């Protein structure tokens, strides 16, 4: 299913959650690029995403989970290039 078709099948709230997760992942990618994974904190990521740290935990359980989600996105992009 294409991303646009998938988004149309979701409720407004589900689309909002997906967008917020994408924003957090983009912010985390920037923070990890500058500070490295070990030095980065969830507070750094939340600040970069312009959200509260507790809000970040509504979307991800840990910094590790955020990194795994970033890695999964890159894996999907990589796999799509070789199909």
N, C-alpha and C. Protein backbone atom coordinates (compact mmCIF):
# COMPACT_ATOMS: atom_id res chain seq x y z
N UNK A 1 0.85 -1.19 0.00
CA UNK A 1 0.00 0.00 0.00
C UNK A 1 0.88 1.24 0.00
N UNK A 2 0.60 2.19 -0.85
CA UNK A 2 1.37 3.42 -0.93
C UNK A 2 1.14 4.25 0.33
N UNK A 3 2.13 5.11 0.64
CA UNK A 3 2.04 5.93 1.84
C UNK A 3 0.80 6.82 1.83
N UNK A 4 0.47 7.44 0.67
CA UNK A 4 -0.71 8.30 0.60
C UNK A 4 -1.99 7.50 0.83
N UNK A 5 -2.07 6.33 0.24
CA UNK A 5 -3.26 5.49 0.42
C UNK A 5 -3.38 5.04 1.87
N UNK A 6 -2.24 4.71 2.47
CA UNK A 6 -2.24 4.32 3.87
C UNK A 6 -2.73 5.46 4.75
N UNK A 7 -2.23 6.67 4.50
CA UNK A 7 -2.63 7.84 5.28
C UNK A 7 -4.12 8.11 5.15
N UNK A 8 -4.69 7.89 3.97
CA UNK A 8 -6.12 8.13 3.78
C UNK A 8 -6.95 7.12 4.55
N UNK A 9 -6.41 5.92 4.78
CA UNK A 9 -7.14 4.89 5.50
C UNK A 9 -7.11 5.12 7.01
N UNK A 10 -6.26 6.01 7.47
CA UNK A 10 -6.12 6.28 8.89
C UNK A 10 -7.06 7.39 9.34
N UNK A 11 -7.36 7.39 10.62
CA UNK A 11 -8.15 8.48 11.18
C UNK A 11 -7.29 9.73 11.28
N UNK A 12 -7.91 10.85 11.49
CA UNK A 12 -7.18 12.10 11.66
C UNK A 12 -6.18 11.99 12.81
N UNK A 13 -6.60 11.44 13.92
CA UNK A 13 -5.72 11.29 15.08
C UNK A 13 -4.52 10.40 14.75
N UNK A 14 -4.75 9.31 14.04
CA UNK A 14 -3.66 8.41 13.67
C UNK A 14 -2.66 9.12 12.74
N UNK A 15 -3.17 9.96 11.84
CA UNK A 15 -2.29 10.73 10.96
C UNK A 15 -1.48 11.74 11.76
N UNK A 16 -2.12 12.37 12.77
CA UNK A 16 -1.41 13.33 13.62
C UNK A 16 -0.28 12.63 14.39
N UNK A 17 -0.56 11.45 14.90
CA UNK A 17 0.45 10.69 15.64
C UNK A 17 1.62 10.34 14.73
N UNK A 18 1.32 9.89 13.51
CA UNK A 18 2.38 9.57 12.56
C UNK A 18 3.24 10.79 12.24
N UNK A 19 2.59 11.94 12.02
CA UNK A 19 3.34 13.16 11.72
C UNK A 19 4.24 13.55 12.89
N UNK A 20 3.71 13.46 14.10
CA UNK A 20 4.50 13.84 15.28
C UNK A 20 5.67 12.88 15.45
N UNK A 21 5.45 11.59 15.22
CA UNK A 21 6.56 10.64 15.31
C UNK A 21 7.63 10.97 14.27
N UNK A 22 7.21 11.32 13.06
CA UNK A 22 8.17 11.69 12.02
C UNK A 22 8.96 12.93 12.42
N UNK A 23 8.30 13.90 13.06
CA UNK A 23 8.99 15.11 13.52
C UNK A 23 10.01 14.77 14.60
N UNK A 24 9.63 13.88 15.51
CA UNK A 24 10.54 13.47 16.59
C UNK A 24 11.74 12.73 16.00
N UNK A 25 11.50 11.84 15.04
CA UNK A 25 12.59 11.09 14.43
C UNK A 25 13.54 12.02 13.67
N UNK A 26 12.99 13.01 13.00
CA UNK A 26 13.84 13.98 12.29
C UNK A 26 14.69 14.77 13.30
N UNK A 27 14.07 15.19 14.39
CA UNK A 27 14.80 15.92 15.43
C UNK A 27 15.88 15.04 16.04
N UNK A 28 15.55 13.79 16.32
CA UNK A 28 16.51 12.87 16.92
C UNK A 28 17.68 12.62 15.97
N UNK A 29 17.41 12.52 14.69
CA UNK A 29 18.47 12.32 13.71
C UNK A 29 19.46 13.48 13.75
N UNK A 30 18.92 14.70 13.84
CA UNK A 30 19.79 15.88 13.92
C UNK A 30 20.62 15.87 15.22
N UNK A 31 19.96 15.55 16.32
CA UNK A 31 20.65 15.54 17.62
C UNK A 31 21.74 14.46 17.63
N UNK A 32 21.41 13.27 17.16
CA UNK A 32 22.40 12.18 17.13
C UNK A 32 23.58 12.54 16.22
N UNK A 33 23.31 13.24 15.13
CA UNK A 33 24.38 13.63 14.21
C UNK A 33 25.36 14.60 14.87
N UNK A 34 24.85 15.47 15.72
CA UNK A 34 25.69 16.46 16.37
C UNK A 34 26.36 15.90 17.63
N UNK A 35 25.58 15.24 18.48
CA UNK A 35 26.09 14.81 19.79
C UNK A 35 26.52 13.36 19.85
N UNK A 36 26.05 12.56 18.91
CA UNK A 36 26.26 11.12 19.01
C UNK A 36 25.18 10.50 19.88
N UNK A 37 24.95 9.22 19.70
CA UNK A 37 23.87 8.55 20.42
C UNK A 37 24.09 8.58 21.93
N UNK A 38 25.29 8.26 22.37
CA UNK A 38 25.56 8.15 23.81
C UNK A 38 25.40 9.47 24.55
N UNK A 39 25.85 10.56 23.95
CA UNK A 39 25.79 11.87 24.61
C UNK A 39 24.43 12.52 24.52
N UNK A 40 23.64 12.13 23.53
CA UNK A 40 22.31 12.73 23.35
C UNK A 40 21.36 12.26 24.45
N UNK A 41 20.47 13.14 24.84
CA UNK A 41 19.46 12.79 25.84
C UNK A 41 18.07 12.96 25.24
N UNK A 42 17.10 12.35 25.88
CA UNK A 42 15.72 12.54 25.41
C UNK A 42 15.32 14.00 25.56
N UNK A 43 15.88 14.68 26.55
CA UNK A 43 15.58 16.11 26.70
C UNK A 43 16.12 16.89 25.50
N UNK A 44 17.33 16.54 25.02
CA UNK A 44 17.88 17.18 23.82
C UNK A 44 16.96 16.96 22.62
N UNK A 45 16.49 15.74 22.46
CA UNK A 45 15.61 15.40 21.34
C UNK A 45 14.30 16.17 21.44
N UNK A 46 13.72 16.19 22.64
CA UNK A 46 12.45 16.90 22.85
C UNK A 46 12.63 18.39 22.55
N UNK A 47 13.72 18.97 23.01
CA UNK A 47 13.97 20.40 22.74
C UNK A 47 14.08 20.66 21.25
N UNK A 48 14.80 19.80 20.54
CA UNK A 48 14.96 19.96 19.09
C UNK A 48 13.63 19.80 18.37
N UNK A 49 12.76 18.93 18.89
CA UNK A 49 11.44 18.71 18.30
C UNK A 49 10.42 19.75 18.76
N UNK A 50 10.84 20.62 19.68
CA UNK A 50 9.97 21.67 20.24
C UNK A 50 8.75 21.09 20.94
N UNK A 51 9.02 20.05 21.74
CA UNK A 51 7.98 19.44 22.57
C UNK A 51 8.56 19.22 23.96
N UNK A 52 7.71 18.95 24.91
CA UNK A 52 8.18 18.62 26.25
C UNK A 52 8.73 17.20 26.28
N UNK A 53 9.65 16.96 27.19
CA UNK A 53 10.23 15.63 27.29
C UNK A 53 9.17 14.58 27.62
N UNK A 54 8.21 14.93 28.47
CA UNK A 54 7.16 13.96 28.80
C UNK A 54 6.28 13.66 27.58
N UNK A 55 6.10 14.63 26.70
CA UNK A 55 5.35 14.41 25.47
C UNK A 55 6.07 13.40 24.58
N UNK A 56 7.40 13.50 24.52
CA UNK A 56 8.18 12.56 23.73
C UNK A 56 7.86 11.12 24.14
N UNK A 57 7.70 10.90 25.44
CA UNK A 57 7.42 9.56 25.95
C UNK A 57 6.00 9.08 25.62
N UNK A 58 5.14 9.95 25.14
CA UNK A 58 3.84 9.51 24.64
C UNK A 58 3.99 8.79 23.31
N UNK A 59 5.11 9.04 22.62
CA UNK A 59 5.33 8.48 21.29
C UNK A 59 6.39 7.38 21.26
N UNK A 60 7.38 7.48 22.13
CA UNK A 60 8.48 6.51 22.19
C UNK A 60 8.81 6.21 23.64
N UNK A 61 9.14 4.96 23.93
CA UNK A 61 9.43 4.55 25.31
C UNK A 61 10.84 4.91 25.76
N UNK A 62 11.76 5.06 24.79
CA UNK A 62 13.16 5.28 25.18
C UNK A 62 13.95 5.86 24.01
N UNK A 63 15.15 6.33 24.33
CA UNK A 63 16.06 6.81 23.30
C UNK A 63 16.42 5.65 22.37
N UNK A 64 16.58 4.48 22.92
CA UNK A 64 16.90 3.29 22.12
C UNK A 64 15.79 3.02 21.11
N UNK A 65 14.54 3.10 21.54
CA UNK A 65 13.42 2.88 20.63
C UNK A 65 13.41 3.90 19.50
N UNK A 66 13.77 5.14 19.81
CA UNK A 66 13.86 6.18 18.78
C UNK A 66 14.94 5.80 17.76
N UNK A 67 16.10 5.39 18.25
CA UNK A 67 17.18 5.00 17.34
C UNK A 67 16.77 3.81 16.47
N UNK A 68 16.11 2.84 17.05
CA UNK A 68 15.65 1.68 16.27
C UNK A 68 14.65 2.10 15.19
N UNK A 69 13.79 3.06 15.51
CA UNK A 69 12.82 3.55 14.52
C UNK A 69 13.54 4.27 13.38
N UNK A 70 14.58 5.04 13.71
CA UNK A 70 15.37 5.72 12.67
C UNK A 70 16.04 4.68 11.79
N UNK A 71 16.63 3.68 12.40
CA UNK A 71 17.31 2.63 11.64
C UNK A 71 16.32 1.88 10.74
N UNK A 72 15.12 1.65 11.23
CA UNK A 72 14.10 0.97 10.44
C UNK A 72 13.71 1.81 9.22
N UNK A 73 13.57 3.13 9.41
CA UNK A 73 13.26 4.02 8.28
C UNK A 73 14.35 3.94 7.21
N UNK A 74 15.60 4.01 7.64
CA UNK A 74 16.70 3.93 6.68
C UNK A 74 16.74 2.57 5.99
N UNK A 75 16.43 1.52 6.72
CA UNK A 75 16.40 0.18 6.12
C UNK A 75 15.32 0.12 5.04
N UNK A 76 14.15 0.69 5.32
CA UNK A 76 13.07 0.68 4.33
C UNK A 76 13.47 1.46 3.08
N UNK A 77 14.11 2.61 3.26
CA UNK A 77 14.56 3.41 2.11
C UNK A 77 15.61 2.64 1.31
N UNK A 78 16.54 2.00 2.01
CA UNK A 78 17.58 1.23 1.36
C UNK A 78 16.98 0.07 0.58
N UNK A 79 16.07 -0.67 1.21
CA UNK A 79 15.43 -1.81 0.56
C UNK A 79 14.65 -1.36 -0.69
N UNK A 80 14.00 -0.21 -0.62
CA UNK A 80 13.21 0.28 -1.75
C UNK A 80 14.12 0.61 -2.93
N UNK A 81 15.32 1.06 -2.67
CA UNK A 81 16.26 1.40 -3.75
C UNK A 81 16.75 0.17 -4.51
N UNK A 82 16.68 -1.00 -3.89
CA UNK A 82 17.22 -2.21 -4.51
C UNK A 82 16.13 -3.19 -4.94
N UNK A 83 14.92 -2.73 -5.10
CA UNK A 83 13.83 -3.58 -5.59
C UNK A 83 13.68 -3.44 -7.06
